[in-house]
Amino acid sequence: MKLVNVVARLAACLALLGSCTLSLAQAGKAELLWLGQAAFRLTTPSGKVIMIDPWLRTNPRTPAEYKDLEKLGKVDLILVTHGHFDHIADAPALAMLHKARVFAPGDLNQTLAVLNVLPPELLPRMNKSGTVAPFADVPGLKITAVHAEHSSLFVWKNPATSKDEVHVGGEPVGFIIELENGQKIYHMGDTGLFGDMKFIGEYYKPDVLLIPIGGNFTMGPADAAYATREWIKPKTVIPMHYGTNPLAKGTAEEYLKAMGDSAVKVLPLKPGEKAEF
């Protein structure tokens, strides 16, 4: 009888929607939507939505349909690699809108709590090499913070004085996101070259790499290509953090050229485009 009910409900679904397609969870795939700079929306195979470095509303490369945070869709978790505006700008608003926790460098979260930017229950603590399993109902999904060679601070407008203040931002991090299907995504945040990228590649073995290529503030195309080819060696790489600032002049074309005949698959997405894994 239960099987009959299930079949009947599926038939009703088909009649109502006209067609049914497999969800990402059913297909065992993850989806990455690039929103410009270092901002990504990751939908995991089980349907959890993770926003990474959300700078959307004032990001010149974020498509218009994603600038309205209330229309962005559900958000279950937020990852922030460091305290600079172009990585954390919309994290507090999204966190409050969805009651979603923000995982970031531990000292940055301490600053956000002390300044009352977000309530403590939305600011769990972690630090480099720490691994968390953020969803009790998705035991295979794990997130590890790793080193990034950059800086971090948090600029806060004091409501009492209307003046900007500079506060502790903790040390910047990258994130290794191990999905419930076993695939690993390495979001590098903002970083320059450092030798332990080779260790990260060998130890964590990321399948998908999200790498900054703009230069000036991070690696440029040549450095990023070297790190990709020689040290990290993912299956797939998506270049990011370029095209939003005139000082960050690196381009996807330059990165592709620097990659040469590498076996790594390069996906030069445009903001608003998606990739499935």
C-alpha atoms as a PDB file:
ATOM      1  CA  MET A   1       0.000   0.000   0.000  1.00  0.00           C
ATOM      2  CA  LYS A   2       2.811   2.408   0.818  1.00  0.00           C
ATOM      3  CA  LEU A   3       4.436   1.767  -2.558  1.00  0.00           C
ATOM      4  CA  VAL A   4       1.147   2.464  -4.305  1.00  0.00           C
ATOM      5  CA  ASN A   5       0.885   5.767  -2.434  1.00  0.00           C
ATOM      6  CA  VAL A   6       4.393   6.750  -3.444  1.00  0.00           C
ATOM      7  CA  VAL A   7       3.685   5.976  -7.105  1.00  0.00           C
ATOM      8  CA  ALA A   8       0.462   7.954  -6.935  1.00  0.00           C
ATOM      9  CA  ARG A   9       2.233  10.946  -5.444  1.00  0.00           C
ATOM     10  CA  LEU A  10       4.923  10.826  -8.115  1.00  0.00           C
ATOM     11  CA  ALA A  11       2.237  10.709 -10.789  1.00  0.00           C
ATOM     12  CA  ALA A  12       0.592  13.740  -9.200  1.00  0.00           C
ATOM     13  CA  CYS A  13       3.936  15.538  -9.231  1.00  0.00           C
ATOM     14  CA  LEU A  14       4.300  14.868 -12.946  1.00  0.00           C
ATOM     15  CA  ALA A  15       0.810  16.077 -13.641  1.00  0.00           C
ATOM     16  CA  LEU A  16       1.355  19.264 -11.645  1.00  0.00           C
ATOM     17  CA  LEU A  17       4.810  20.220 -12.887  1.00  0.00           C
ATOM     18  CA  GLY A  18       4.637  18.833 -16.380  1.00  0.00           C
ATOM     19  CA  SER A  19       7.997  17.146 -15.901  1.00  0.00           C
ATOM     20  CA  CYS A  20      10.274  16.059 -13.112  1.00  0.00           C
ATOM     21  CA  THR A  21      14.035  16.284 -13.172  1.00  0.00           C
ATOM     22  CA  LEU A  22      16.436  14.731 -10.778  1.00  0.00           C
ATOM     23  CA  SER A  23      17.537  17.076  -8.020  1.00  0.00           C
ATOM     24  CA  LEU A  24      21.247  17.568  -7.439  1.00  0.00           C
ATOM     25  CA  ALA A  25      20.970  15.369  -4.360  1.00  0.00           C
ATOM     26  CA  GLN A  26      19.331  12.563  -6.344  1.00  0.00           C
ATOM     27  CA  ALA A  27      21.905  12.890  -9.082  1.00  0.00           C
ATOM     28  CA  GLY A  28      24.735  12.862  -6.542  1.00  0.00           C
ATOM     29  CA  LYS A  29      26.106  16.153  -7.843  1.00  0.00           C
ATOM     30  CA  ALA A  30      27.162  19.451  -6.375  1.00  0.00           C
ATOM     31  CA  GLU A  31      26.588  22.840  -7.995  1.00  0.00           C
ATOM     32  CA  LEU A  32      28.866  25.880  -7.856  1.00  0.00           C
ATOM     33  CA  LEU A  33      27.461  29.254  -8.880  1.00  0.00           C
ATOM     34  CA  TRP A  34      30.075  31.987  -9.268  1.00  0.00           C
ATOM     35  CA  LEU A  35      28.839  35.443  -8.277  1.00  0.00           C
ATOM     36  CA  GLY A  36      31.973  37.488  -8.951  1.00  0.00           C
ATOM     37  CA  GLN A  37      35.192  38.079  -6.977  1.00  0.00           C
ATOM     38  CA  ALA A  38      35.468  35.212  -4.435  1.00  0.00           C
ATOM     39  CA  ALA A  39      31.718  34.761  -3.925  1.00  0.00           C
ATOM     40  CA  PHE A  40      30.229  31.345  -4.656  1.00  0.00           C
ATOM     41  CA  ARG A  41      26.970  29.633  -3.848  1.00  0.00           C
ATOM     42  CA  LEU A  42      27.642  25.941  -3.304  1.00  0.00           C
ATOM     43  CA  THR A  43      24.713  23.524  -3.335  1.00  0.00           C
ATOM     44  CA  THR A  44      25.817  20.166  -1.973  1.00  0.00           C
ATOM     45  CA  PRO A  45      24.524  16.793  -3.230  1.00  0.00           C
ATOM     46  CA  SER A  46      22.034  16.606  -0.350  1.00  0.00           C
ATOM     47  CA  GLY A  47      20.732  20.127  -1.012  1.00  0.00           C
ATOM     48  CA  LYS A  48      22.573  22.147   1.641  1.00  0.00           C
ATOM     49  CA  VAL A  49      23.411  25.662   0.449  1.00  0.00           C
ATOM     50  CA  ILE A  50      26.722  27.204   1.487  1.00  0.00           C
ATOM     51  CA  MET A  51      27.597  30.800   0.635  1.00  0.00           C
ATOM     52  CA  ILE A  52      31.313  31.536   0.426  1.00  0.00           C
ATOM     53  CA  ASP A  53      32.738  35.068   0.757  1.00  0.00           C
ATOM     54  CA  PRO A  54      29.430  36.788  -0.032  1.00  0.00           C
ATOM     55  CA  TRP A  55      30.019  40.237  -1.504  1.00  0.00           C
ATOM     56  CA  LEU A  56      26.959  40.717  -3.687  1.00  0.00           C
ATOM     57  CA  ARG A  57      24.979  43.941  -3.331  1.00  0.00           C
ATOM     58  CA  THR A  58      27.806  46.314  -4.303  1.00  0.00           C
ATOM     59  CA  ASN A  59      29.903  43.844  -6.295  1.00  0.00           C
ATOM     60  CA  PRO A  60      30.148  45.223  -9.857  1.00  0.00           C
ATOM     61  CA  ARG A  61      30.352  41.707 -11.322  1.00  0.00           C
ATOM     62  CA  THR A  62      27.440  40.126  -9.441  1.00  0.00           C
ATOM     63  CA  PRO A  63      24.464  39.725 -11.818  1.00  0.00           C
ATOM     64  CA  ALA A  64      21.483  41.903 -10.906  1.00  0.00           C
ATOM     65  CA  GLU A  65      19.225  38.961 -10.031  1.00  0.00           C
ATOM     66  CA  TYR A  66      21.565  37.928  -7.214  1.00  0.00           C
ATOM     67  CA  LYS A  67      21.969  41.351  -5.614  1.00  0.00           C
ATOM     68  CA  ASP A  68      18.621  41.132  -3.793  1.00  0.00           C
ATOM     69  CA  LEU A  69      19.550  38.971  -0.811  1.00  0.00           C
ATOM     70  CA  GLU A  70      15.942  38.051  -0.088  1.00  0.00           C
ATOM     71  CA  LYS A  71      15.594  36.559  -3.585  1.00  0.00           C
ATOM     72  CA  LEU A  72      18.875  34.693  -3.499  1.00  0.00           C
ATOM     73  CA  GLY A  73      17.271  31.536  -2.134  1.00  0.00           C
ATOM     74  CA  LYS A  74      17.879  29.650   1.076  1.00  0.00           C
ATOM     75  CA  VAL A  75      21.267  29.708   2.764  1.00  0.00           C
ATOM     76  CA  ASP A  76      22.196  27.048   5.315  1.00  0.00           C
ATOM     77  CA  LEU A  77      25.773  28.078   6.099  1.00  0.00           C
ATOM     78  CA  ILE A  78      28.221  30.883   5.348  1.00  0.00           C
ATOM     79  CA  LEU A  79      32.002  30.642   4.990  1.00  0.00           C
ATOM     80  CA  VAL A  80      34.195  33.759   5.164  1.00  0.00           C
ATOM     81  CA  THR A  81      37.915  33.464   4.438  1.00  0.00           C
ATOM     82  CA  HIS A  82      38.937  36.800   6.001  1.00  0.00           C
ATOM     83  CA  GLY A  83      37.666  40.191   7.119  1.00  0.00           C
ATOM     84  CA  HIS A  84      38.136  42.361   4.023  1.00  0.00           C
ATOM     85  CA  PHE A  85      34.970  44.006   2.744  1.00  0.00           C
ATOM     86  CA  ASP A  86      34.946  42.208  -0.605  1.00  0.00           C
ATOM     87  CA  HIS A  87      34.673  38.869   1.223  1.00  0.00           C
ATOM     88  CA  ILE A  88      32.501  39.569   4.261  1.00  0.00           C
ATOM     89  CA  ALA A  89      30.283  42.452   3.113  1.00  0.00           C
ATOM     90  CA  ASP A  90      26.945  40.622   2.953  1.00  0.00           C
ATOM     91  CA  ALA A  91      27.686  37.815   5.406  1.00  0.00           C
ATOM     92  CA  PRO A  92      26.003  39.504   8.430  1.00  0.00           C
ATOM     93  CA  ALA A  93      22.819  40.327   6.516  1.00  0.00           C
ATOM     94  CA  LEU A  94      22.569  36.823   5.042  1.00  0.00           C
ATOM     95  CA  ALA A  95      23.259  35.258   8.424  1.00  0.00           C
ATOM     96  CA  MET A  96      20.441  37.213  10.071  1.00  0.00           C
ATOM     97  CA  LEU A  97      18.061  36.629   7.166  1.00  0.00           C
ATOM     98  CA  HIS A  98      18.476  32.844   7.268  1.00  0.00           C
ATOM     99  CA  LYS A  99      19.709  32.345  10.863  1.00  0.00           C
ATOM    100  CA  ALA A 100      22.740  30.758   9.203  1.00  0.00           C
ATOM    101  CA  ARG A 101      26.006  30.284  11.083  1.00  0.00           C
ATOM    102  CA  VAL A 102      29.146  32.001   9.825  1.00  0.00           C
ATOM    103  CA  PHE A 103      32.395  30.030   9.899  1.00  0.00           C
ATOM    104  CA  ALA A 104      35.390  32.359   9.621  1.00  0.00           C
ATOM    105  CA  PRO A 105      38.805  32.819  11.248  1.00  0.00           C
ATOM    106  CA  GLY A 106      38.244  32.475  14.994  1.00  0.00           C
ATOM    107  CA  ASP A 107      39.527  35.936  15.897  1.00  0.00           C
ATOM    108  CA  LEU A 108      37.345  37.541  13.233  1.00  0.00           C
ATOM    109  CA  ASN A 109      34.271  35.870  14.701  1.00  0.00           C
ATOM    110  CA  GLN A 110      35.307  37.081  18.144  1.00  0.00           C
ATOM    111  CA  THR A 111      35.415  40.622  16.777  1.00  0.00           C
ATOM    112  CA  LEU A 112      31.983  40.255  15.179  1.00  0.00           C
ATOM    113  CA  ALA A 113      30.562  39.020  18.492  1.00  0.00           C
ATOM    114  CA  VAL A 114      32.153  41.759  20.629  1.00  0.00           C
ATOM    115  CA  LEU A 115      30.941  44.467  18.240  1.00  0.00           C
ATOM    116  CA  ASN A 116      27.470  42.882  18.245  1.00  0.00           C
ATOM    117  CA  VAL A 117      27.541  42.562  14.463  1.00  0.00           C
ATOM    118  CA  LEU A 118      25.984  39.098  14.890  1.00  0.00           C
ATOM    119  CA  PRO A 119      24.749  37.137  17.908  1.00  0.00           C
ATOM    120  CA  PRO A 120      27.234  34.604  19.365  1.00  0.00           C
ATOM    121  CA  GLU A 121      25.099  31.614  18.374  1.00  0.00           C
ATOM    122  CA  LEU A 122      25.723  32.450  14.706  1.00  0.00           C
ATOM    123  CA  LEU A 123      29.497  32.782  15.210  1.00  0.00           C
ATOM    124  CA  PRO A 124      31.010  29.350  15.919  1.00  0.00           C
ATOM    125  CA  ARG A 125      34.756  29.298  16.535  1.00  0.00           C
ATOM    126  CA  MET A 126      37.370  27.445  14.511  1.00  0.00           C
ATOM    127  CA  ASN A 127      40.936  27.976  13.348  1.00  0.00           C
ATOM    128  CA  LYS A 128      43.541  26.688  10.891  1.00  0.00           C
ATOM    129  CA  SER A 129      43.657  22.887  10.585  1.00  0.00           C
ATOM    130  CA  GLY A 130      40.401  22.681  12.506  1.00  0.00           C
ATOM    131  CA  THR A 131      37.720  20.506  10.924  1.00  0.00           C
ATOM    132  CA  VAL A 132      33.996  20.880  11.567  1.00  0.00           C
ATOM    133  CA  ALA A 133      30.982  18.811  10.549  1.00  0.00           C
ATOM    134  CA  PRO A 134      28.371  21.581  10.473  1.00  0.00           C
ATOM    135  CA  PHE A 135      25.258  19.520   9.670  1.00  0.00           C
ATOM    136  CA  ALA A 136      24.116  16.720  11.971  1.00  0.00           C
ATOM    137  CA  ASP A 137      21.868  15.376   9.210  1.00  0.00           C
ATOM    138  CA  VAL A 138      24.726  15.275   6.667  1.00  0.00           C
ATOM    139  CA  PRO A 139      27.521  13.431   8.501  1.00  0.00           C
ATOM    140  CA  GLY A 140      29.809  13.128   5.483  1.00  0.00           C
ATOM    141  CA  LEU A 141      30.127  16.871   4.926  1.00  0.00           C
ATOM    142  CA  LYS A 142      33.236  18.387   6.557  1.00  0.00           C
ATOM    143  CA  ILE A 143      34.991  21.742   6.386  1.00  0.00           C
ATOM    144  CA  THR A 144      38.650  22.347   7.228  1.00  0.00           C
ATOM    145  CA  ALA A 145      40.368  25.719   7.536  1.00  0.00           C
ATOM    146  CA  VAL A 146      43.849  25.893   5.964  1.00  0.00           C
ATOM    147  CA  HIS A 147      46.548  28.506   5.587  1.00  0.00           C
ATOM    148  CA  ALA A 148      46.322  31.493   3.238  1.00  0.00           C
ATOM    149  CA  GLU A 149      49.133  33.993   2.630  1.00  0.00           C
ATOM    150  CA  HIS A 150      47.333  37.316   2.916  1.00  0.00           C
ATOM    151  CA  SER A 151      46.140  39.827   5.535  1.00  0.00           C
ATOM    152  CA  SER A 152      42.862  40.385   7.339  1.00  0.00           C
ATOM    153  CA  LEU A 153      41.113  43.184   9.191  1.00  0.00           C
ATOM    154  CA  PHE A 154      37.508  44.196   9.771  1.00  0.00           C
ATOM    155  CA  VAL A 155      36.336  47.756   9.117  1.00  0.00           C
ATOM    156  CA  TRP A 156      33.260  48.643  11.184  1.00  0.00           C
ATOM    157  CA  LYS A 157      31.228  51.840  11.114  1.00  0.00           C
ATOM    158  CA  ASN A 158      30.613  52.814  14.731  1.00  0.00           C
ATOM    159  CA  PRO A 159      26.913  53.772  14.970  1.00  0.00           C
ATOM    160  CA  ALA A 160      27.657  56.150  17.837  1.00  0.00           C
ATOM    161  CA  THR A 161      30.213  58.198  15.893  1.00  0.00           C
ATOM    162  CA  SER A 162      29.399  57.314  12.253  1.00  0.00           C
ATOM    163  CA  LYS A 163      33.148  56.819  11.795  1.00  0.00           C
ATOM    164  CA  ASP A 164      34.942  53.779  10.429  1.00  0.00           C
ATOM    165  CA  GLU A 165      37.021  51.776  12.882  1.00  0.00           C
ATOM    166  CA  VAL A 166      39.586  49.061  12.126  1.00  0.00           C
ATOM    167  CA  HIS A 167      39.334  45.898  14.215  1.00  0.00           C
ATOM    168  CA  VAL A 168      41.096  42.546  14.474  1.00  0.00           C
ATOM    169  CA  GLY A 169      40.269  40.305  11.522  1.00  0.00           C
ATOM    170  CA  GLY A 170      42.135  37.164  12.522  1.00  0.00           C
ATOM    171  CA  GLU A 171      44.509  35.387  10.150  1.00  0.00           C
ATOM    172  CA  PRO A 172      43.102  34.657   6.675  1.00  0.00           C
ATOM    173  CA  VAL A 173      42.217  31.086   5.740  1.00  0.00           C
ATOM    174  CA  GLY A 174      41.228  28.916   2.826  1.00  0.00           C
ATOM    175  CA  PHE A 175      38.618  26.176   3.143  1.00  0.00           C
ATOM    176  CA  ILE A 176      38.716  22.516   2.174  1.00  0.00           C
ATOM    177  CA  ILE A 177      35.069  21.485   1.776  1.00  0.00           C
ATOM    178  CA  GLU A 178      34.619  17.727   1.715  1.00  0.00           C
ATOM    179  CA  LEU A 179      31.199  16.921   0.303  1.00  0.00           C
ATOM    180  CA  GLU A 180      28.951  14.055   1.273  1.00  0.00           C
ATOM    181  CA  ASN A 181      29.772  12.330  -2.039  1.00  0.00           C
ATOM    182  CA  GLY A 182      33.495  12.381  -1.188  1.00  0.00           C
ATOM    183  CA  GLN A 183      34.547  15.180  -3.535  1.00  0.00           C
ATOM    184  CA  LYS A 184      36.685  17.984  -2.130  1.00  0.00           C
ATOM    185  CA  ILE A 185      36.539  21.662  -3.062  1.00  0.00           C
ATOM    186  CA  TYR A 186      39.414  23.970  -2.089  1.00  0.00           C
ATOM    187  CA  HIS A 187      38.416  27.644  -1.890  1.00  0.00           C
ATOM    188  CA  MET A 188      41.728  29.415  -1.469  1.00  0.00           C
ATOM    189  CA  GLY A 189      40.368  32.789  -0.359  1.00  0.00           C
ATOM    190  CA  ASP A 190      42.879  35.551  -1.042  1.00  0.00           C
ATOM    191  CA  THR A 191      46.439  34.287  -1.108  1.00  0.00           C
ATOM    192  CA  GLY A 192      49.902  34.611  -2.564  1.00  0.00           C
ATOM    193  CA  LEU A 193      52.163  31.662  -3.212  1.00  0.00           C
ATOM    194  CA  PHE A 194      53.380  29.656  -0.219  1.00  0.00           C
ATOM    195  CA  GLY A 195      55.237  26.360  -0.212  1.00  0.00           C
ATOM    196  CA  ASP A 196      52.651  24.439   1.811  1.00  0.00           C
ATOM    197  CA  MET A 197      50.250  24.647  -1.105  1.00  0.00           C
ATOM    198  CA  LYS A 198      52.110  21.523  -2.212  1.00  0.00           C
ATOM    199  CA  PHE A 199      51.361  19.886   1.135  1.00  0.00           C
ATOM    200  CA  ILE A 200      47.689  20.876   0.899  1.00  0.00           C
ATOM    201  CA  GLY A 201      47.505  19.340  -2.559  1.00  0.00           C
ATOM    202  CA  GLU A 202      49.172  16.110  -1.485  1.00  0.00           C
ATOM    203  CA  TYR A 203      47.378  15.736   1.846  1.00  0.00           C
ATOM    204  CA  TYR A 204      43.822  16.892   1.099  1.00  0.00           C
ATOM    205  CA  LYS A 205      43.816  16.017  -2.619  1.00  0.00           C
ATOM    206  CA  PRO A 206      41.159  18.559  -3.700  1.00  0.00           C
ATOM    207  CA  ASP A 207      39.129  17.671  -6.777  1.00  0.00           C
ATOM    208  CA  VAL A 208      37.995  21.237  -7.503  1.00  0.00           C
ATOM    209  CA  LEU A 209      40.138  24.328  -6.938  1.00  0.00           C
ATOM    210  CA  LEU A 210      38.829  27.902  -6.687  1.00  0.00           C
ATOM    211  CA  ILE A 211      41.911  30.088  -7.158  1.00  0.00           C
ATOM    212  CA  PRO A 212      42.505  33.869  -7.199  1.00  0.00           C
ATOM    213  CA  ILE A 213      44.285  35.149 -10.308  1.00  0.00           C
ATOM    214  CA  GLY A 214      43.833  38.929 -10.301  1.00  0.00           C
ATOM    215  CA  GLY A 215      47.270  39.914  -9.003  1.00  0.00           C
ATOM    216  CA  ASN A 216      48.272  42.920  -6.875  1.00  0.00           C
ATOM    217  CA  PHE A 217      46.302  41.688  -3.834  1.00  0.00           C
ATOM    218  CA  THR A 218      46.714  37.970  -4.601  1.00  0.00           C
ATOM    219  CA  MET A 219      48.508  35.678  -7.019  1.00  0.00           C
ATOM    220  CA  GLY A 220      48.460  36.773 -10.616  1.00  0.00           C
ATOM    221  CA  PRO A 221      47.825  34.392 -13.522  1.00  0.00           C
ATOM    222  CA  ALA A 222      51.401  33.057 -13.753  1.00  0.00           C
ATOM    223  CA  ASP A 223      51.752  32.353 -10.013  1.00  0.00           C
ATOM    224  CA  ALA A 224      48.267  30.845  -9.869  1.00  0.00           C
ATOM    225  CA  ALA A 225      49.006  28.584 -12.825  1.00  0.00           C
ATOM    226  CA  TYR A 226      52.245  27.397 -11.205  1.00  0.00           C
ATOM    227  CA  ALA A 227      50.448  26.580  -7.949  1.00  0.00           C
ATOM    228  CA  THR A 228      47.740  24.727  -9.876  1.00  0.00           C
ATOM    229  CA  ARG A 229      50.049  22.690 -12.139  1.00  0.00           C
ATOM    230  CA  GLU A 230      52.974  21.980  -9.874  1.00  0.00           C
ATOM    231  CA  TRP A 231      51.634  21.893  -6.336  1.00  0.00           C
ATOM    232  CA  ILE A 232      47.884  21.400  -5.957  1.00  0.00           C
ATOM    233  CA  LYS A 233      47.074  19.375  -9.096  1.00  0.00           C
ATOM    234  CA  PRO A 234      43.258  19.288  -8.889  1.00  0.00           C
ATOM    235  CA  LYS A 235      41.042  17.689 -11.495  1.00  0.00           C
ATOM    236  CA  THR A 236      39.217  20.959 -12.181  1.00  0.00           C
ATOM    237  CA  VAL A 237      40.014  24.610 -11.466  1.00  0.00           C
ATOM    238  CA  ILE A 238      37.835  27.733 -11.555  1.00  0.00           C
ATOM    239  CA  PRO A 239      39.702  31.078 -11.583  1.00  0.00           C
ATOM    240  CA  MET A 240      38.268  33.832  -9.378  1.00  0.00           C
ATOM    241  CA  HIS A 241      39.053  37.199  -7.785  1.00  0.00           C
ATOM    242  CA  TYR A 242      39.690  39.183 -10.934  1.00  0.00           C
ATOM    243  CA  GLY A 243      37.939  41.842 -12.981  1.00  0.00           C
ATOM    244  CA  THR A 244      36.403  43.842 -10.114  1.00  0.00           C
ATOM    245  CA  ASN A 245      39.288  46.191  -9.339  1.00  0.00           C
ATOM    246  CA  PRO A 246      41.531  48.054 -11.807  1.00  0.00           C
ATOM    247  CA  LEU A 247      44.590  47.029  -9.765  1.00  0.00           C
ATOM    248  CA  ALA A 248      43.784  43.320 -10.108  1.00  0.00           C
ATOM    249  CA  LYS A 249      44.512  43.090 -13.821  1.00  0.00           C
ATOM    250  CA  GLY A 250      44.902  39.325 -14.241  1.00  0.00           C
ATOM    251  CA  THR A 251      42.520  37.671 -16.684  1.00  0.00           C
ATOM    252  CA  ALA A 252      41.193  34.187 -17.314  1.00  0.00           C
ATOM    253  CA  GLU A 253      42.844  34.250 -20.757  1.00  0.00           C
ATOM    254  CA  GLU A 254      46.251  34.911 -19.199  1.00  0.00           C
ATOM    255  CA  TYR A 255      45.699  32.134 -16.688  1.00  0.00           C
ATOM    256  CA  LEU A 256      44.698  29.672 -19.418  1.00  0.00           C
ATOM    257  CA  LYS A 257      47.808  30.569 -21.403  1.00  0.00           C
ATOM    258  CA  ALA A 258      50.008  30.123 -18.336  1.00  0.00           C
ATOM    259  CA  MET A 259      48.457  26.702 -17.675  1.00  0.00           C
ATOM    260  CA  GLY A 260      49.800  25.510 -21.030  1.00  0.00           C
ATOM    261  CA  ASP A 261      49.072  21.886 -21.843  1.00  0.00           C
ATOM    262  CA  SER A 262      48.296  20.909 -18.238  1.00  0.00           C
ATOM    263  CA  ALA A 263      45.861  18.025 -17.763  1.00  0.00           C
ATOM    264  CA  VAL A 264      43.897  20.101 -15.238  1.00  0.00           C
ATOM    265  CA  LYS A 265      40.495  21.114 -16.614  1.00  0.00           C
ATOM    266  CA  VAL A 266      40.040  24.901 -16.452  1.00  0.00           C
ATOM    267  CA  LEU A 267      36.503  26.295 -16.203  1.00  0.00           C
ATOM    268  CA  PRO A 268      36.644  30.073 -16.747  1.00  0.00           C
ATOM    269  CA  LEU A 269      33.105  30.832 -15.572  1.00  0.00           C
ATOM    270  CA  LYS A 270      31.403  34.176 -16.041  1.00  0.00           C
ATOM    271  CA  PRO A 271      29.570  35.607 -13.032  1.00  0.00           C
ATOM    272  CA  GLY A 272      26.142  33.975 -12.890  1.00  0.00           C
ATOM    273  CA  GLU A 273      27.330  30.770 -14.535  1.00  0.00           C
ATOM    274  CA  LYS A 274      27.244  27.401 -12.796  1.00  0.00           C
ATOM    275  CA  ALA A 275      29.321  24.240 -12.796  1.00  0.00           C
ATOM    276  CA  GLU A 276      28.218  20.791 -11.603  1.00  0.00           C
ATOM    277  CA  PHE A 277      30.456  18.102 -10.152  1.00  0.00           C
END
